[in-house]
């Protein structure tokens, strides 16, 4: 069985590792990504706030050495979901199974003024560049704002505001600064009332102002104001923006999308095209766009494909569960365990925050690098 996997993020890496683990030489996995290496989402914040460097959080794909897995660095130019053929600048690839795990692209240019007057921190390049901007920031009015929904890693704006509080405090700039968090949601993390309540309490304790149900539609770089969808304005000296998200253009052009994303069976992750699957941020699954959900979906697809290869029929499929770590600052991390089920409200609970869970989060990252790359992460 030949499986062509597009995208080497949480989903693509876990799927490749899972198939290799279950089938070994019985599977040929071609893993294609345009990037040189992998960076955890939480590592972007570690670099942004000066806790890590790019070198310590970057994991080159050249280190991949899984049995049955071949990594190809290439730009994907076209996807034919009927023939299960992929055109790239490194050649043409055809599979018995095609898995699209290309994530969501961010488009700062879609929000007028964001490129000229603000900074995005949702790509590694944006977060790494913002590190130097923060280092030179003398203090003032900081706005962390969301420009569209859906967006990846829903806790990230809240985490950024809390970690920014610590950063400015450590530099003696907090008293002369304000931090505002603007989100188009009624709560910081709507699926988890407990986590939202804990965050709101943390915001109040740290003097972070919370502005729910507000969408930043544009920035005025000259006046240094963020303009909301309803016309209200908020002044800033530094704007940290969550850019608009969209499915990659090559996925849109393939005919896989509907309403902007790839619809899939929520249990099997199969698209309307036979033997073509989509998982992670690019798919409409009914779960948040976050790495842990991509990982769970990939594990489910690996199990289903391995069972089919062995002639064992189906498997349990995807169960909609994810465990997210949530930075509260002050070396404290919480854990949100939530399950999304079709037709019913999500269920979950909050544990922490605590230093013990901060250590658990570190171990989580180390374990994934060991599983996916077969190496230790010595700088953790």
Protein backbone atom coordinates (compact mmCIF):
# COMPACT_ATOMS: atom_id res chain seq x y z
CA UNK A 1 0.00 0.00 0.00
CA UNK A 2 1.35 3.40 -0.98
CA UNK A 3 0.14 6.36 1.05
CA UNK A 4 0.93 9.89 -0.09
CA UNK A 5 0.72 12.34 2.82
CA UNK A 6 0.61 16.06 2.12
CA UNK A 7 1.89 18.11 5.03
CA UNK A 8 4.35 17.25 7.80
CA UNK A 9 2.76 18.95 10.80
CA UNK A 10 1.22 17.19 13.79
CA UNK A 11 -1.09 15.18 11.54
CA UNK A 12 1.35 14.16 8.82
CA UNK A 13 4.11 13.26 11.27
CA UNK A 14 1.82 11.19 13.49
CA UNK A 15 0.23 9.41 10.53
CA UNK A 16 3.64 8.53 9.09
CA UNK A 17 4.91 7.29 12.45
CA UNK A 18 1.71 5.31 13.09
CA UNK A 19 1.74 3.58 9.71
CA UNK A 20 5.44 2.80 10.00
CA UNK A 21 4.91 1.39 13.49
CA UNK A 22 1.96 -0.78 12.48
CA UNK A 23 2.98 -1.91 9.00
CA UNK A 24 6.75 -1.42 8.66
CA UNK A 25 7.86 -2.56 5.23
CA UNK A 26 4.25 -3.34 4.36
CA UNK A 27 3.58 0.31 3.62
CA UNK A 28 5.25 2.94 1.49
CA UNK A 29 4.64 6.42 2.87
CA UNK A 30 5.63 9.48 0.85
CA UNK A 31 5.50 12.52 3.15
CA UNK A 32 5.61 15.83 1.27
CA UNK A 33 6.11 19.29 2.75
CA UNK A 34 7.60 22.52 1.45
CA UNK A 35 9.31 23.40 4.75
CA UNK A 36 12.75 22.37 5.96
CA UNK A 37 11.56 21.34 9.40
CA UNK A 38 8.94 21.25 12.11
CA UNK A 39 8.24 23.77 14.89
CA UNK A 40 5.65 23.21 17.62
CA UNK A 41 3.07 25.96 17.96
CA UNK A 42 3.98 26.49 21.59
CA UNK A 43 7.64 26.81 20.62
CA UNK A 44 6.81 29.97 18.67
CA UNK A 45 5.83 31.64 21.94
CA UNK A 46 8.97 30.31 23.63
CA UNK A 47 11.08 32.05 20.99
CA UNK A 48 8.92 35.18 20.90
CA UNK A 49 9.37 35.76 24.63
CA UNK A 50 13.07 34.93 24.68
CA UNK A 51 12.90 31.54 26.41
CA UNK A 52 14.28 29.58 23.44
CA UNK A 53 16.09 30.27 20.19
CA UNK A 54 15.11 29.24 16.69
CA UNK A 55 17.88 26.65 16.66
CA UNK A 56 16.60 24.89 19.77
CA UNK A 57 12.98 24.58 18.60
CA UNK A 58 13.60 23.69 14.94
CA UNK A 59 13.47 19.99 13.99
CA UNK A 60 14.79 19.30 10.46
CA UNK A 61 12.84 16.86 8.35
CA UNK A 62 16.12 15.46 7.09
CA UNK A 63 16.32 13.66 10.44
CA UNK A 64 13.27 11.53 9.59
CA UNK A 65 14.29 7.89 9.28
CA UNK A 66 11.16 5.80 9.79
CA UNK A 67 10.94 2.38 8.09
CA UNK A 68 8.75 2.70 5.03
CA UNK A 69 8.66 6.53 5.17
CA UNK A 70 10.29 8.82 2.63
CA UNK A 71 10.27 12.58 3.09
CA UNK A 72 10.18 14.80 0.02
CA UNK A 73 10.69 18.52 0.33
CA UNK A 74 8.62 20.04 -2.44
CA UNK A 75 6.07 22.68 -3.30
CA UNK A 76 2.71 21.09 -4.06
CA UNK A 77 1.36 22.48 -7.33
CA UNK A 78 -1.80 20.46 -7.95
CA UNK A 79 -3.91 17.76 -6.31
CA UNK A 80 -6.15 15.37 -8.26
CA UNK A 81 -8.36 13.67 -5.65
CA UNK A 82 -10.02 11.41 -8.25
CA UNK A 83 -6.79 9.88 -9.53
CA UNK A 84 -5.01 10.40 -6.18
CA UNK A 85 -2.16 12.12 -8.02
CA UNK A 86 -0.13 15.04 -6.71
CA UNK A 87 1.97 17.35 -8.87
CA UNK A 88 4.96 19.02 -7.21
CA UNK A 89 8.05 20.90 -8.28
CA UNK A 90 9.96 17.72 -7.41
CA UNK A 91 7.85 15.44 -9.61
CA UNK A 92 4.55 13.58 -9.69
CA UNK A 93 3.38 11.26 -6.91
CA UNK A 94 0.50 8.78 -7.05
CA UNK A 95 -0.84 6.75 -4.16
CA UNK A 96 -3.34 4.07 -3.31
CA UNK A 97 -4.36 6.42 -0.51
CA UNK A 98 -4.02 10.21 -0.39
CA UNK A 99 -4.06 12.13 2.90
CA UNK A 100 -4.29 15.93 2.91
CA UNK A 101 -2.84 17.39 6.11
CA UNK A 102 -1.65 20.76 4.84
CA UNK A 103 -3.06 22.79 7.71
CA UNK A 104 -4.42 26.31 7.36
CA UNK A 105 -2.52 29.14 5.72
CA UNK A 106 -2.54 32.55 7.34
CA UNK A 107 -3.03 35.70 5.29
CA UNK A 108 -2.01 38.91 7.10
CA UNK A 109 -2.65 40.90 3.91
CA UNK A 110 -6.36 40.07 4.16
CA UNK A 111 -6.68 42.51 7.07
CA UNK A 112 -6.01 46.07 5.86
CA UNK A 113 -3.16 47.69 7.75
CA UNK A 114 -1.96 44.59 9.59
CA UNK A 115 1.26 44.24 7.60
CA UNK A 116 1.99 47.99 7.85
CA UNK A 117 0.91 48.65 11.42
CA UNK A 118 0.99 45.37 13.32
CA UNK A 119 2.72 42.04 13.73
CA UNK A 120 1.46 38.51 13.27
CA UNK A 121 2.77 35.77 15.56
CA UNK A 122 1.06 32.71 14.07
CA UNK A 123 3.86 31.66 11.73
CA UNK A 124 7.37 30.74 12.89
CA UNK A 125 8.77 33.57 10.78
CA UNK A 126 6.37 36.09 12.31
CA UNK A 127 6.97 34.96 15.88
CA UNK A 128 10.75 34.84 15.43
CA UNK A 129 10.81 38.35 13.96
CA UNK A 130 8.58 39.65 16.74
CA UNK A 131 11.16 38.55 19.31
CA UNK A 132 13.41 41.45 18.28
CA UNK A 133 10.46 43.86 18.17
CA UNK A 134 9.54 43.00 21.76
CA UNK A 135 13.14 43.31 22.90
CA UNK A 136 13.18 46.91 21.65
CA UNK A 137 9.67 47.79 22.87
CA UNK A 138 9.81 50.56 25.52
CA UNK A 139 6.36 49.83 26.89
CA UNK A 140 2.94 51.28 26.12
CA UNK A 141 -0.44 50.12 24.89
CA UNK A 142 -0.41 46.54 23.61
CA UNK A 143 -3.39 44.97 21.86
CA UNK A 144 -3.59 41.25 21.11
CA UNK A 145 -6.33 40.97 18.49
CA UNK A 146 -8.06 38.33 16.36
CA UNK A 147 -9.02 39.27 12.81
CA UNK A 148 -11.22 36.33 11.76
CA UNK A 149 -12.65 32.95 12.69
CA UNK A 150 -11.89 30.10 12.70
CA UNK A 151 -8.27 30.34 13.80
CA UNK A 152 -5.69 27.82 14.93
CA UNK A 153 -5.03 27.06 18.58
CA UNK A 154 -7.86 29.00 20.24
CA UNK A 155 -5.95 29.37 23.56
CA UNK A 156 -2.96 31.06 21.90
CA UNK A 157 -4.20 34.70 22.09
CA UNK A 158 -4.93 34.28 25.82
CA UNK A 159 -1.56 32.63 26.39
CA UNK A 160 0.17 35.47 24.54
CA UNK A 161 -1.50 38.12 26.70
CA UNK A 162 -0.52 36.33 29.92
CA UNK A 163 3.05 35.67 28.84
CA UNK A 164 3.35 39.27 27.68
CA UNK A 165 2.40 40.36 31.20
CA UNK A 166 5.31 38.32 32.58
CA UNK A 167 7.68 39.60 29.90
CA UNK A 168 6.94 43.26 30.52
CA UNK A 169 7.01 42.75 34.30
CA UNK A 170 10.46 41.13 34.13
CA UNK A 171 11.73 44.13 32.16
CA UNK A 172 10.19 46.68 34.53
CA UNK A 173 7.77 47.93 31.88
CA UNK A 174 4.46 46.57 33.09
CA UNK A 175 3.36 49.54 35.22
CA UNK A 176 3.71 51.86 32.26
CA UNK A 177 1.94 49.49 29.87
CA UNK A 178 -1.55 48.17 29.20
CA UNK A 179 -2.54 44.86 27.67
CA UNK A 180 -5.88 44.32 25.92
CA UNK A 181 -7.12 41.02 24.49
CA UNK A 182 -9.72 41.34 21.71
CA UNK A 183 -11.47 38.21 20.44
CA UNK A 184 -14.65 37.56 18.39
CA UNK A 185 -15.76 34.95 20.93
CA UNK A 186 -17.98 35.19 24.02
CA UNK A 187 -15.35 33.44 26.17
CA UNK A 188 -11.61 32.82 25.83
CA UNK A 189 -12.20 29.09 25.21
CA UNK A 190 -15.94 28.52 24.61
CA UNK A 191 -15.82 24.68 24.66
CA UNK A 192 -14.37 24.75 28.20
CA UNK A 193 -16.24 26.99 30.68
CA UNK A 194 -13.83 26.03 33.47
CA UNK A 195 -10.79 27.05 31.43
CA UNK A 196 -12.48 30.29 30.36
CA UNK A 197 -13.33 31.15 33.97
CA UNK A 198 -9.76 30.47 35.07
CA UNK A 199 -8.40 32.67 32.29
CA UNK A 200 -10.77 35.51 33.06
CA UNK A 201 -9.65 35.37 36.69
CA UNK A 202 -6.01 35.45 35.59
CA UNK A 203 -6.70 38.44 33.33
CA UNK A 204 -8.32 40.30 36.22
CA UNK A 205 -5.44 39.53 38.59
CA UNK A 206 -2.88 40.80 36.06
CA UNK A 207 -4.80 43.84 34.83
CA UNK A 208 -5.35 42.49 31.32
CA UNK A 209 -8.53 43.92 29.80
CA UNK A 210 -10.78 41.40 28.06
CA UNK A 211 -12.93 42.44 25.08
CA UNK A 212 -15.22 39.58 23.98
CA UNK A 213 -17.30 39.43 20.81
CA UNK A 214 -15.11 42.03 19.09
CA UNK A 215 -13.50 41.45 15.70
CA UNK A 216 -10.58 43.55 14.47
CA UNK A 217 -11.40 44.36 10.85
CA UNK A 218 -8.49 46.70 10.05
CA UNK A 219 -5.64 48.77 11.44
CA UNK A 220 -4.90 52.41 10.81
CA UNK A 221 -1.08 52.46 10.88
CA UNK A 222 -0.79 56.26 10.90
CA UNK A 223 -3.27 56.85 13.73
CA UNK A 224 -2.19 53.58 15.43
CA UNK A 225 -5.71 52.41 16.10
CA UNK A 226 -7.39 49.03 15.62
CA UNK A 227 -10.81 49.38 14.02
CA UNK A 228 -13.47 46.85 15.00
CA UNK A 229 -16.15 45.43 12.72
CA UNK A 230 -18.73 47.73 14.35
CA UNK A 231 -16.61 50.82 13.75
CA UNK A 232 -15.29 51.28 17.29
CA UNK A 233 -11.58 51.92 17.69
CA UNK A 234 -8.82 51.00 20.13
CA UNK A 235 -5.47 52.80 20.24
CA UNK A 236 -2.23 50.82 20.42
CA UNK A 237 1.51 51.23 20.45
CA UNK A 238 2.07 47.56 19.62
CA UNK A 239 -0.46 45.30 17.90
CA UNK A 240 -0.06 41.52 17.92
CA UNK A 241 -2.50 40.02 15.44
CA UNK A 242 -3.99 36.63 14.69
CA UNK A 243 -4.28 36.78 10.88
CA UNK A 244 -7.10 35.50 8.74
CA UNK A 245 -6.94 31.74 8.11
CA UNK A 246 -7.81 29.90 4.93
CA UNK A 247 -7.30 26.52 3.32
CA UNK A 248 -4.16 26.43 1.15
CA UNK A 249 -4.85 27.61 -2.38
CA UNK A 250 -3.80 24.30 -3.90
CA UNK A 251 -6.45 22.55 -1.79
CA UNK A 252 -9.13 25.05 -2.81
CA UNK A 253 -8.25 24.52 -6.46
CA UNK A 254 -8.47 20.72 -6.12
CA UNK A 255 -12.23 20.70 -5.59
CA UNK A 256 -11.90 19.23 -2.11
CA UNK A 257 -13.27 22.21 -0.20
CA UNK A 258 -16.77 23.33 0.68
CA UNK A 259 -17.38 26.59 2.55
CA UNK A 260 -13.63 27.12 2.67
CA UNK A 261 -12.52 23.82 4.24
CA UNK A 262 -12.46 20.11 3.42
CA UNK A 263 -15.54 18.25 4.66
CA UNK A 264 -14.85 14.75 6.01
CA UNK A 265 -16.60 11.90 7.75
CA UNK A 266 -16.05 12.82 11.43
CA UNK A 267 -15.16 9.22 12.37
CA UNK A 268 -13.05 8.06 9.43
CA UNK A 269 -11.75 11.44 8.15
CA UNK A 270 -12.46 10.28 4.59
CA UNK A 271 -13.53 12.93 2.07
CA UNK A 272 -16.21 12.49 -0.57
CA UNK A 273 -13.47 11.04 -2.77
CA UNK A 274 -12.75 7.35 -2.05
CA UNK A 275 -9.40 6.69 -0.34
CA UNK A 276 -8.75 10.42 0.04
CA UNK A 277 -8.59 11.64 3.63
CA UNK A 278 -8.16 15.07 5.19
CA UNK A 279 -7.19 15.80 8.76
CA UNK A 280 -6.08 18.63 10.96
CA UNK A 281 -6.63 22.33 10.39
CA UNK A 282 -7.57 21.97 6.71
CA UNK A 283 -10.54 19.72 7.50
CA UNK A 284 -14.05 20.39 8.80
CA UNK A 285 -14.24 17.82 11.58
CA UNK A 286 -16.15 19.65 14.29
CA UNK A 287 -13.14 20.07 16.58
CA UNK A 288 -10.86 23.10 17.11
CA UNK A 289 -7.97 23.69 14.76
CA UNK A 290 -5.16 22.58 17.07
CA UNK A 291 -2.23 20.18 16.83
CA UNK A 292 -3.47 17.69 19.42
CA UNK A 293 -6.69 17.18 17.48
CA UNK A 294 -4.70 16.70 14.26
CA UNK A 295 -2.59 14.11 16.06
CA UNK A 296 -5.66 12.23 17.27
CA UNK A 297 -7.21 12.25 13.81
CA UNK A 298 -3.96 10.96 12.29
CA UNK A 299 -3.79 8.13 14.82
CA UNK A 300 -7.35 7.15 13.92
CA UNK A 301 -6.60 7.13 10.18
CA UNK A 302 -3.42 5.10 10.76
CA UNK A 303 -5.44 2.54 12.71
CA UNK A 304 -8.14 2.32 10.04
CA UNK A 305 -5.63 1.94 7.20
CA UNK A 306 -3.60 -0.65 9.09
CA UNK A 307 -6.75 -2.65 9.87
CA UNK A 308 -7.81 -2.53 6.23
CA UNK A 309 -4.36 -3.61 5.09
CA UNK A 310 -4.53 -6.59 7.44
CA UNK A 311 -8.04 -7.45 6.30
CA UNK A 312 -9.47 -6.81 9.74
CA UNK A 313 -12.19 -4.43 8.62
CA UNK A 314 -12.80 -1.15 10.38
CA UNK A 315 -11.62 0.26 13.68
CA UNK A 316 -12.99 2.58 16.32
CA UNK A 317 -12.32 5.68 14.23
CA UNK A 318 -11.84 9.19 15.54
CA UNK A 319 -13.41 9.92 18.93
CA UNK A 320 -13.04 13.72 18.98
CA UNK A 321 -10.87 13.93 22.10
CA UNK A 322 -7.95 16.28 22.67
CA UNK A 323 -5.77 17.31 25.60
CA UNK A 324 -4.50 20.88 25.27
CA UNK A 325 -1.89 22.55 27.45
CA UNK A 326 -2.62 26.14 28.38
CA UNK A 327 0.06 28.63 29.49
CA UNK A 328 -0.95 30.83 32.42
CA UNK A 329 2.42 32.54 32.86
CA UNK A 330 4.40 32.60 36.08
CA UNK A 331 5.70 29.11 35.12
CA UNK A 332 2.18 27.71 35.50
CA UNK A 333 0.43 25.54 32.91
CA UNK A 334 -3.06 24.05 32.91
CA UNK A 335 -4.46 21.10 30.99
CA UNK A 336 -7.81 21.06 29.20
CA UNK A 337 -9.21 17.61 28.37
CA UNK A 338 -12.18 17.97 26.02
CA UNK A 339 -14.17 15.66 23.77
CA UNK A 340 -16.30 16.79 20.83
CA UNK A 341 -19.14 14.53 19.75
CA UNK A 342 -21.35 15.10 16.75
CA UNK A 343 -24.77 16.38 17.71
CA UNK A 344 -23.94 17.20 21.33
CA UNK A 345 -22.10 19.86 23.29
CA UNK A 346 -18.41 19.24 24.02
CA UNK A 347 -17.54 17.79 27.40
CA UNK A 348 -14.31 18.32 29.28
CA UNK A 349 -12.51 19.45 32.38
CA UNK A 350 -9.65 21.68 33.47
CA UNK A 351 -6.70 20.57 35.56
CA UNK A 352 -4.30 23.11 37.06
CA UNK A 353 -2.62 25.45 36.43
CA UNK A 354 0.49 24.16 38.19
CA UNK A 355 4.23 23.74 37.81
CA UNK A 356 3.73 19.97 37.63
CA UNK A 357 1.64 20.33 34.48
CA UNK A 358 4.28 22.69 33.06
CA UNK A 359 6.74 19.81 33.39
CA UNK A 360 4.19 17.48 31.80
CA UNK A 361 3.86 19.83 28.84
CA UNK A 362 7.63 19.79 28.38
CA UNK A 363 7.60 16.00 28.47
CA UNK A 364 4.79 15.98 25.90
CA UNK A 365 6.95 17.87 23.41
CA UNK A 366 9.99 15.70 24.10
CA UNK A 367 7.98 12.51 23.63
CA UNK A 368 6.62 13.63 20.26
CA UNK A 369 10.05 14.50 18.92
CA UNK A 370 11.30 11.11 20.05
CA UNK A 371 8.35 9.36 18.41
CA UNK A 372 8.38 11.28 15.13
CA UNK A 373 12.12 11.87 14.65
CA UNK A 374 13.63 9.07 16.78
CA UNK A 375 15.85 11.52 18.62
CA UNK A 376 16.01 13.32 21.93
CA UNK A 377 15.28 17.02 22.37
CA UNK A 378 18.27 17.86 24.55
CA UNK A 379 17.55 21.55 25.02
CA UNK A 380 14.20 21.02 26.71
